[in-house]
Amino acid sequence: MSTQLNRLSEIARNKPKTRFISLAHLLDEESLMECYWELNQNAAAGVDGISYDRYGRNLEENIADLVKRLKSKKYRATDIRRVKIPKPDGGERPLGIPALEDKIVQRGVAKILSAIYEEDFLGVSYGFRPKRNGHDALRAVELSVIKGGINHLLDVDIRGFFDNLDHSWLMRMLGERIKDRTILRLIGKWLKAGVLEEGKRTRNEDGVPQGGVISPILSNIYLHYVLDLWLIRKVCKEINGRAYLTRYADDFVIGCTNRTDAKKIWEMLEGRLKQFGLELSQEKSRLIEFGKKAYLECERKGIKPSTFDFLGFTHYMDRSRKGGLKLGRKTIGKRMRRKLVALNDKLRKLRNALPFRELHEHLCRILKGYYNYFGFAGNAATLRRFGYIAGRLWFKWLNRRSQRKSFNWEEFNKLLGRYPLPKPRILKGYNWIYSPGL
């Protein structure tokens, strides 16, 4: 399938107005088999209860039957199982879990859409895209602050984006590039699939389920038309200064060089989102003074500069060791506390379920993942604090493993000598530092 996808990308790149008519044939046995192997093996089962391992016992037969149903138009989307998971702000986020076969076909369609739309997407979006990640988005923000000269920043939150995405608008947007009725029909089935929550079934009229394999690419397509193209190709031509958009999925910030432009974009953005069934969260969205000039002005007045949160970090302006200005980042306090609560809960549940070495390896993977993401210069103290508390949790739950006598700190430190925990490391430094007068 990779060769065919590369060909799709080439056509999309060379012919930006082309609408693709014949795509469904790419969902053959070979490609869907590949999609199966790419799924998360440990993901929860959907409403039909079929797990990854169970489906894989007769994989070739199951995939052949799935392809047959797709070709004969007898494939039906299964209801989505909805569960609630904690949100970083303390609330709950609805997570939709499709059935395994739906995940397989969604994966196949998502790869087709990605091959086409990656040639259309702008460089300002970073979420759920190949060869792009959150760190790239953070660097883009840093560049806009230090090199772009922004003085005002729109910290934007769309209220319930995934729940309120308008189906009719999405299908119209897809129609700009996709003319294959089978592919469009499949997407329509997934959008309208019923939702099963606590035994009650409801019909889905708006939104895309968070957790659906197809949802990330659909949400990126939606915001590509609603936000990215509109701001970069239209709004930026109508303002006097410069504006910089950095978007990761539905989380984005807009930096502006002057306040008049920032206020104009804010007002235009409200109307633009409303046109497509979306709404700014007035409680969580704000316009702040942020940047080099704003910091120097606050420093002159002796007041605390504004900060903003983005992708797990609190961003702030600060002085470098040489006296220049830099963009500082530290882990959002609430985010770290919730991560530690989750770690404590996981160690409690696994302390007797896994052998010691497997439990140790599991904890090491968690710590390495945390350090790799949050290991930015200026965040060392927070990382050390996280590692210290994680070590104490490790000590606590090792002492509560059944059929094992407890040990003291001296014995625990000897154990750490043989089975050490990863140490916090700063992996990402500052790329741009501004010095006044240069």
Protein backbone atom coordinates (compact mmCIF):
# COMPACT_ATOMS: atom_id res chain seq x y z
CA MET A 1 0.00 0.00 0.00
CA SER A 2 2.92 2.36 0.65
CA THR A 3 3.75 2.63 -3.07
CA GLN A 4 0.13 3.48 -3.89
CA LEU A 5 0.00 6.04 -1.06
CA ASN A 6 3.19 7.66 -2.33
CA ARG A 7 1.56 7.92 -5.74
CA LEU A 8 -1.50 9.57 -4.16
CA SER A 9 0.76 12.08 -2.40
CA GLU A 10 2.54 12.88 -5.65
CA ILE A 11 -0.74 13.54 -7.46
CA ALA A 12 -2.08 15.64 -4.58
CA ARG A 13 1.13 17.68 -4.54
CA ASN A 14 1.24 18.29 -8.28
CA LYS A 15 -2.50 18.79 -8.75
CA PRO A 16 -3.88 20.74 -5.77
CA LYS A 17 -7.33 21.05 -7.38
CA THR A 18 -7.76 17.35 -8.13
CA ARG A 19 -10.70 15.49 -6.56
CA PHE A 20 -9.87 11.82 -6.11
CA ILE A 21 -12.51 9.52 -7.57
CA SER A 22 -11.09 6.01 -7.12
CA LEU A 23 -9.71 5.25 -3.64
CA ALA A 24 -11.76 2.43 -2.10
CA HIS A 25 -9.85 -0.27 -4.00
CA LEU A 26 -6.85 0.53 -1.77
CA LEU A 27 -8.71 -1.12 1.13
CA ASP A 28 -7.67 -4.61 0.06
CA GLU A 29 -6.65 -7.61 2.16
CA GLU A 30 -2.97 -6.73 2.20
CA SER A 31 -3.51 -3.14 3.31
CA LEU A 32 -6.09 -4.00 5.99
CA MET A 33 -3.83 -6.75 7.32
CA GLU A 34 -1.14 -4.10 7.65
CA CYS A 35 -3.61 -1.81 9.43
CA TYR A 36 -4.40 -4.56 11.92
CA TRP A 37 -0.74 -4.97 12.85
CA GLU A 38 -0.40 -1.20 13.31
CA LEU A 39 -3.16 -1.00 15.95
CA ASN A 40 -2.51 -0.83 19.68
CA GLN A 41 -2.63 -4.43 20.87
CA ASN A 42 -3.54 -3.44 24.42
CA ALA A 43 -6.39 -1.08 23.57
CA ALA A 44 -9.79 -1.68 25.14
CA ALA A 45 -12.38 -3.64 23.16
CA GLY A 46 -15.46 -1.99 21.67
CA VAL A 47 -19.11 -2.83 22.29
CA ASP A 48 -18.76 -6.23 20.58
CA GLY A 49 -16.11 -7.29 23.10
CA ILE A 50 -13.73 -8.57 20.42
CA SER A 51 -10.13 -8.05 21.50
CA TYR A 52 -7.04 -7.68 19.35
CA ASP A 53 -5.79 -11.18 20.18
CA ARG A 54 -9.17 -12.81 19.62
CA TYR A 55 -9.55 -11.25 16.18
CA GLY A 56 -6.00 -12.25 15.29
CA ARG A 57 -6.57 -15.97 15.89
CA ASN A 58 -8.27 -16.24 12.48
CA LEU A 59 -6.80 -13.08 11.03
CA GLU A 60 -6.66 -14.04 7.35
CA GLU A 61 -10.24 -15.33 7.36
CA ASN A 62 -11.52 -12.30 9.27
CA ILE A 63 -9.77 -9.79 6.98
CA ALA A 64 -10.98 -11.62 3.86
CA ASP A 65 -14.54 -11.49 5.17
CA LEU A 66 -14.16 -7.81 6.05
CA VAL A 67 -12.95 -6.94 2.54
CA LYS A 68 -15.82 -8.95 1.04
CA ARG A 69 -18.35 -6.97 3.10
CA LEU A 70 -16.71 -3.68 2.12
CA LYS A 71 -16.91 -4.52 -1.59
CA SER A 72 -20.52 -5.73 -1.39
CA LYS A 73 -21.58 -2.66 0.65
CA LYS A 74 -22.65 -4.94 3.54
CA TYR A 75 -20.16 -3.47 6.01
CA ARG A 76 -21.89 -1.73 8.93
CA ALA A 77 -20.31 0.59 11.49
CA THR A 78 -20.70 -0.73 15.03
CA ASP A 79 -21.86 1.46 17.91
CA ILE A 80 -19.11 3.26 19.83
CA ARG A 81 -18.50 2.46 23.49
CA ARG A 82 -18.07 5.67 25.45
CA VAL A 83 -16.11 5.96 28.69
CA LYS A 84 -15.04 9.00 30.72
CA ILE A 85 -11.39 9.75 31.46
CA PRO A 86 -9.97 12.56 33.66
CA LYS A 87 -9.05 15.84 31.96
CA PRO A 88 -6.02 17.97 32.91
CA ASP A 89 -8.37 20.68 34.23
CA GLY A 90 -10.03 18.23 36.63
CA GLY A 91 -13.12 17.48 34.54
CA GLU A 92 -13.88 14.43 32.45
CA ARG A 93 -13.35 13.80 28.75
CA PRO A 94 -15.62 11.40 26.83
CA LEU A 95 -13.55 8.79 25.03
CA GLY A 96 -15.12 6.81 22.18
CA ILE A 97 -13.90 3.24 21.67
CA PRO A 98 -14.82 1.78 18.25
CA ALA A 99 -15.07 -1.94 17.58
CA LEU A 100 -11.86 -3.57 16.33
CA GLU A 101 -13.02 -3.99 12.71
CA ASP A 102 -14.04 -0.35 12.61
CA LYS A 103 -10.55 0.57 13.85
CA ILE A 104 -8.97 -1.48 11.07
CA VAL A 105 -10.99 0.14 8.28
CA GLN A 106 -10.65 3.59 9.87
CA ARG A 107 -6.90 3.12 9.93
CA GLY A 108 -6.93 2.30 6.23
CA VAL A 109 -9.05 5.34 5.33
CA ALA A 110 -6.96 7.58 7.62
CA LYS A 111 -3.80 6.58 5.76
CA ILE A 112 -5.44 7.41 2.43
CA LEU A 113 -6.63 10.80 3.67
CA SER A 114 -3.24 11.55 5.21
CA ALA A 115 -1.45 10.79 1.94
CA ILE A 116 -3.62 13.40 0.21
CA TYR A 117 -4.04 16.08 2.86
CA GLU A 118 -0.42 16.13 4.04
CA GLU A 119 0.24 17.88 0.74
CA ASP A 120 -2.42 20.49 1.59
CA PHE A 121 -1.87 21.06 5.31
CA LEU A 122 0.08 24.18 6.28
CA GLY A 123 3.22 24.23 8.37
CA VAL A 124 1.40 25.85 11.30
CA SER A 125 -0.27 22.59 12.43
CA TYR A 126 1.70 19.94 14.33
CA GLY A 127 -0.71 17.51 15.96
CA PHE A 128 -1.21 13.94 14.70
CA ARG A 129 0.93 14.46 11.62
CA PRO A 130 3.86 12.35 10.40
CA LYS A 131 7.33 13.66 11.31
CA ARG A 132 5.81 16.36 13.54
CA ASN A 133 5.21 16.43 17.28
CA GLY A 134 4.58 18.62 20.29
CA HIS A 135 8.23 19.65 20.58
CA ASP A 136 8.11 21.04 17.04
CA ALA A 137 5.09 23.13 18.03
CA LEU A 138 6.89 24.38 21.14
CA ARG A 139 9.90 25.41 19.05
CA ALA A 140 7.59 27.26 16.66
CA VAL A 141 6.13 29.22 19.59
CA GLU A 142 9.64 30.01 20.80
CA LEU A 143 10.65 31.25 17.37
CA SER A 144 7.58 33.49 17.07
CA VAL A 145 8.35 35.03 20.47
CA ILE A 146 12.10 35.52 20.15
CA LYS A 147 12.53 36.05 16.41
CA GLY A 148 9.02 37.05 15.33
CA GLY A 149 8.72 39.96 17.73
CA ILE A 150 5.25 39.21 19.05
CA ASN A 151 3.96 41.48 21.83
CA HIS A 152 0.44 40.10 22.26
CA LEU A 153 -0.84 36.55 22.36
CA LEU A 154 -4.25 34.95 21.96
CA ASP A 155 -4.45 31.90 24.22
CA VAL A 156 -7.45 30.15 22.68
CA ASP A 157 -9.67 27.30 23.82
CA ILE A 158 -12.50 25.97 21.65
CA ARG A 159 -15.38 24.80 23.80
CA GLY A 160 -15.96 21.07 23.26
CA PHE A 161 -14.37 21.00 19.81
CA PHE A 162 -14.57 17.23 19.25
CA ASP A 163 -18.19 17.14 20.45
CA ASN A 164 -19.38 20.03 18.27
CA LEU A 165 -17.63 19.50 14.95
CA ASP A 166 -20.35 19.93 12.32
CA HIS A 167 -20.85 16.81 10.16
CA SER A 168 -22.32 18.59 7.16
CA TRP A 169 -19.47 21.10 7.01
CA LEU A 170 -16.91 18.31 7.38
CA MET A 171 -18.40 16.34 4.49
CA ARG A 172 -18.36 19.48 2.32
CA MET A 173 -14.70 20.03 3.20
CA LEU A 174 -13.86 16.43 2.35
CA GLY A 175 -15.63 16.91 -0.96
CA GLU A 176 -12.99 19.46 -1.94
CA ARG A 177 -10.54 16.60 -2.38
CA ILE A 178 -12.47 13.33 -2.13
CA LYS A 179 -15.06 12.29 -4.74
CA ASP A 180 -15.01 8.54 -4.04
CA ARG A 181 -18.54 7.83 -2.76
CA THR A 182 -17.49 4.65 -0.97
CA ILE A 183 -14.90 6.49 1.14
CA LEU A 184 -17.32 9.33 1.89
CA ARG A 185 -20.05 6.82 2.78
CA LEU A 186 -17.72 5.03 5.21
CA ILE A 187 -16.82 8.28 6.94
CA GLY A 188 -20.51 9.18 7.16
CA LYS A 189 -21.26 5.83 8.80
CA TRP A 190 -18.61 6.38 11.47
CA LEU A 191 -19.77 9.93 12.15
CA LYS A 192 -23.38 8.81 12.64
CA ALA A 193 -22.62 5.61 14.55
CA GLY A 194 -24.59 5.20 17.77
CA VAL A 195 -22.95 5.80 21.14
CA LEU A 196 -23.37 3.30 23.97
CA GLU A 197 -22.74 4.69 27.45
CA GLU A 198 -23.75 2.91 30.67
CA GLY A 199 -26.18 0.73 28.73
CA LYS A 200 -27.93 3.66 27.03
CA ARG A 201 -27.70 4.14 23.26
CA THR A 202 -27.82 7.60 21.68
CA ARG A 203 -27.43 8.75 18.08
CA ASN A 204 -24.44 10.91 17.27
CA GLU A 205 -25.54 14.05 15.41
CA ASP A 206 -22.41 16.20 15.84
CA GLY A 207 -18.75 15.78 16.62
CA VAL A 208 -16.18 13.04 16.19
CA PRO A 209 -15.39 10.57 18.97
CA GLN A 210 -12.12 11.18 20.78
CA GLY A 211 -10.41 7.82 20.60
CA GLY A 212 -11.55 6.99 17.08
CA VAL A 213 -8.68 6.09 14.74
CA ILE A 214 -10.11 8.34 12.02
CA SER A 215 -10.81 11.29 14.36
CA PRO A 216 -7.36 12.99 14.35
CA ILE A 217 -7.15 13.36 10.57
CA LEU A 218 -10.80 14.48 10.34
CA SER A 219 -10.28 17.14 13.03
CA ASN A 220 -7.13 18.36 11.27
CA ILE A 221 -9.01 18.62 7.98
CA TYR A 222 -11.79 20.58 9.68
CA LEU A 223 -9.45 23.09 11.33
CA HIS A 224 -7.32 23.31 8.19
CA TYR A 225 -10.28 24.94 6.44
CA VAL A 226 -11.85 26.70 9.42
CA LEU A 227 -8.69 28.15 10.96
CA ASP A 228 -5.35 27.58 9.23
CA LEU A 229 -6.17 28.65 5.66
CA TRP A 230 -8.42 31.47 6.85
CA LEU A 231 -5.84 33.00 9.19
CA ILE A 232 -2.72 32.55 7.09
CA ARG A 233 -4.13 33.20 3.60
CA LYS A 234 -6.79 35.82 4.44
CA VAL A 235 -6.49 37.49 7.84
CA CYS A 236 -2.71 37.97 7.75
CA LYS A 237 -3.16 39.99 4.56
CA GLU A 238 -5.69 42.32 6.22
CA ILE A 239 -3.68 43.32 9.31
CA ASN A 240 -0.92 45.90 9.65
CA GLY A 241 1.57 43.80 11.59
CA ARG A 242 2.43 40.12 11.68
CA ALA A 243 0.56 37.18 13.21
CA TYR A 244 1.83 33.68 13.97
CA LEU A 245 -0.41 30.65 14.43
CA THR A 246 0.81 27.49 16.17
CA ARG A 247 -1.75 24.68 16.34
CA TYR A 248 -1.58 21.21 17.83
CA ALA A 249 -4.92 19.49 17.10
CA ASP A 250 -7.55 21.83 18.63
CA ASP A 251 -5.05 23.50 20.97
CA PHE A 252 -3.56 26.67 19.49
CA VAL A 253 -2.09 30.10 20.20
CA ILE A 254 -1.83 33.16 17.96
CA GLY A 255 0.96 35.68 18.48
CA CYS A 256 0.65 39.24 17.15
CA THR A 257 3.09 42.11 16.88
CA ASN A 258 0.54 44.79 17.84
CA ARG A 259 -2.55 44.97 20.02
CA THR A 260 -4.88 46.37 17.35
CA ASP A 261 -4.30 43.33 15.18
CA ALA A 262 -4.70 40.98 18.14
CA LYS A 263 -8.08 42.48 19.08
CA LYS A 264 -9.22 42.38 15.45
CA ILE A 265 -8.26 38.71 15.10
CA TRP A 266 -10.04 37.89 18.38
CA GLU A 267 -13.29 39.45 17.12
CA MET A 268 -13.00 37.85 13.68
CA LEU A 269 -12.14 34.47 15.21
CA GLU A 270 -15.33 34.41 17.29
CA GLY A 271 -17.43 34.94 14.17
CA ARG A 272 -15.42 32.48 12.12
CA LEU A 273 -15.80 29.66 14.65
CA LYS A 274 -19.50 30.36 15.09
CA GLN A 275 -20.01 30.01 11.33
CA PHE A 276 -18.79 26.41 11.58
CA GLY A 277 -20.66 25.40 14.72
CA LEU A 278 -17.82 26.12 17.14
CA GLU A 279 -17.47 28.51 20.06
CA LEU A 280 -14.67 30.16 21.99
CA SER A 281 -14.54 29.26 25.67
CA GLN A 282 -14.70 32.71 27.24
CA GLU A 283 -13.55 31.29 30.57
CA LYS A 284 -10.40 29.70 29.19
CA SER A 285 -9.52 32.00 26.27
CA ARG A 286 -7.74 35.31 26.78
CA LEU A 287 -5.69 38.02 25.12
CA ILE A 288 -2.48 38.84 26.99
CA GLU A 289 0.57 41.03 26.56
CA PHE A 290 3.46 38.66 26.01
CA GLY A 291 6.88 38.98 24.44
CA LYS A 292 10.14 40.86 24.77
CA LYS A 293 8.66 44.37 24.92
CA ALA A 294 5.95 43.28 27.34
CA TYR A 295 8.55 41.72 29.65
CA LEU A 296 10.79 44.79 29.59
CA GLU A 297 7.79 47.03 30.33
CA CYS A 298 6.75 44.84 33.27
CA GLU A 299 10.34 44.81 34.49
CA ARG A 300 10.44 48.61 34.34
CA LYS A 301 7.16 48.89 36.28
CA GLY A 302 8.09 46.18 38.76
CA ILE A 303 5.04 44.01 38.00
CA LYS A 304 4.76 40.31 37.21
CA PRO A 305 4.62 39.51 33.47
CA SER A 306 1.81 37.38 32.01
CA THR A 307 2.26 33.67 31.35
CA PHE A 308 0.30 31.15 29.29
CA ASP A 309 -0.12 27.37 29.22
CA PHE A 310 0.39 25.35 26.04
CA LEU A 311 1.04 21.63 25.49
CA GLY A 312 1.72 20.84 29.13
CA PHE A 313 4.03 23.78 29.82
CA THR A 314 3.61 27.16 31.47
CA HIS A 315 5.44 29.64 29.22
CA TYR A 316 7.07 32.78 30.60
CA MET A 317 9.69 35.36 29.62
CA ASP A 318 12.90 35.40 31.63
CA ARG A 319 16.50 36.56 31.65
CA SER A 320 19.28 34.30 30.44
CA ARG A 321 22.55 34.01 32.35
CA LYS A 322 24.11 36.53 29.99
CA GLY A 323 21.31 39.04 30.52
CA GLY A 324 19.39 38.44 27.31
CA LEU A 325 15.73 37.51 27.13
CA LYS A 326 14.53 33.96 26.62
CA LEU A 327 11.29 32.01 26.59
CA GLY A 328 11.11 29.86 29.70
CA ARG A 329 9.03 26.73 30.17
CA LYS A 330 8.09 24.70 33.19
CA THR A 331 5.67 21.82 33.64
CA ILE A 332 2.16 23.00 34.51
CA GLY A 333 1.86 22.39 38.25
CA LYS A 334 -1.55 20.71 38.11
CA ARG A 335 -0.38 18.48 35.25
CA MET A 336 2.57 17.18 37.28
CA ARG A 337 0.45 16.52 40.35
CA ARG A 338 -2.11 14.57 38.34
CA LYS A 339 0.67 12.55 36.71
CA LEU A 340 2.01 11.62 40.14
CA VAL A 341 -1.47 10.64 41.35
CA ALA A 342 -1.83 8.41 38.27
CA LEU A 343 1.62 6.92 38.89
CA ASN A 344 0.74 6.18 42.51
CA ASP A 345 -2.46 4.46 41.41
CA LYS A 346 -0.65 2.40 38.76
CA LEU A 347 2.05 1.22 41.18
CA ARG A 348 -0.64 0.28 43.70
CA LYS A 349 -2.48 -1.83 41.13
CA LEU A 350 0.61 -3.49 39.66
CA ARG A 351 2.68 -4.08 42.78
CA ASN A 352 1.51 -7.69 43.09
CA ALA A 353 0.43 -8.24 39.48
CA LEU A 354 3.93 -8.10 37.95
CA PRO A 355 7.27 -9.66 38.89
CA PHE A 356 9.71 -7.16 40.38
CA ARG A 357 11.84 -6.78 37.24
CA GLU A 358 8.83 -6.18 34.98
CA LEU A 359 7.45 -3.64 37.45
CA HIS A 360 10.83 -1.90 37.53
CA GLU A 361 11.00 -1.80 33.71
CA HIS A 362 7.45 -0.44 33.57
CA LEU A 363 8.30 2.39 35.98
CA CYS A 364 11.50 3.18 34.05
CA ARG A 365 9.52 3.52 30.81
CA ILE A 366 7.10 5.94 32.46
CA LEU A 367 9.92 8.08 33.87
CA LYS A 368 11.88 8.12 30.59
CA GLY A 369 8.78 9.16 28.66
CA TYR A 370 8.10 11.96 31.13
CA TYR A 371 11.70 13.23 31.08
CA ASN A 372 11.92 13.02 27.30
CA TYR A 373 8.88 15.25 26.86
CA PHE A 374 9.41 17.73 29.70
CA GLY A 375 13.22 17.86 29.56
CA PHE A 376 13.57 21.50 28.49
CA ALA A 377 16.12 23.96 29.83
CA GLY A 378 14.65 25.85 32.77
CA ASN A 379 12.50 22.88 33.82
CA ALA A 380 15.22 20.97 35.69
CA ALA A 381 13.91 21.73 39.19
CA THR A 382 10.44 20.44 38.31
CA LEU A 383 11.92 17.28 36.77
CA ARG A 384 14.01 16.62 39.86
CA ARG A 385 10.95 17.10 42.05
CA PHE A 386 8.98 14.65 39.92
CA GLY A 387 11.79 12.09 40.07
CA TYR A 388 12.13 12.48 43.84
CA ILE A 389 8.43 11.89 44.49
CA ALA A 390 8.35 8.99 42.01
CA GLY A 391 11.20 7.39 43.96
CA ARG A 392 9.30 7.71 47.24
CA LEU A 393 6.21 6.16 45.65
CA TRP A 394 8.39 3.31 44.40
CA PHE A 395 9.68 2.78 47.95
CA LYS A 396 6.17 2.87 49.41
CA TRP A 397 4.63 0.30 47.09
CA LEU A 398 7.61 -2.04 47.09
CA ASN A 399 7.21 -2.20 50.85
CA ARG A 400 3.58 -3.22 50.41
CA ARG A 401 4.13 -6.12 48.06
CA SER A 402 2.66 -9.30 49.51
CA GLN A 403 4.89 -12.06 50.89
CA ARG A 404 7.80 -9.73 51.32
CA LYS A 405 9.13 -8.13 54.46
CA SER A 406 9.51 -4.37 54.41
CA PHE A 407 12.89 -2.68 54.10
CA ASN A 408 14.33 0.65 55.26
CA TRP A 409 15.82 3.48 53.22
CA GLU A 410 19.34 2.07 53.48
CA GLU A 411 18.22 -1.24 51.98
CA PHE A 412 16.17 0.61 49.38
CA ASN A 413 19.20 2.65 48.27
CA LYS A 414 21.18 -0.58 47.86
CA LEU A 415 18.36 -1.89 45.69
CA LEU A 416 18.51 1.28 43.58
CA GLY A 417 22.20 0.59 43.06
CA ARG A 418 21.30 -2.67 41.34
CA TYR A 419 18.06 -1.49 39.74
CA PRO A 420 18.45 2.28 39.24
CA LEU A 421 15.68 4.59 38.15
CA PRO A 422 16.30 6.98 35.22
CA LYS A 423 17.68 10.38 36.20
CA PRO A 424 16.10 13.59 34.93
CA ARG A 425 17.96 14.98 31.94
CA ILE A 426 17.66 18.24 30.06
CA LEU A 427 17.41 17.19 26.43
CA LYS A 428 16.15 20.40 24.80
CA GLY A 429 17.86 23.73 25.23
CA TYR A 430 17.02 27.24 24.06
CA ASN A 431 17.57 27.84 20.38
CA TRP A 432 17.02 31.59 20.37
CA ILE A 433 18.06 34.20 22.93
CA TYR A 434 17.40 37.89 22.42
CA SER A 435 19.86 40.48 23.73
CA PRO A 436 18.61 44.09 23.94
CA GLY A 437 20.54 46.41 21.69
CA LEU A 438 21.72 43.74 19.26
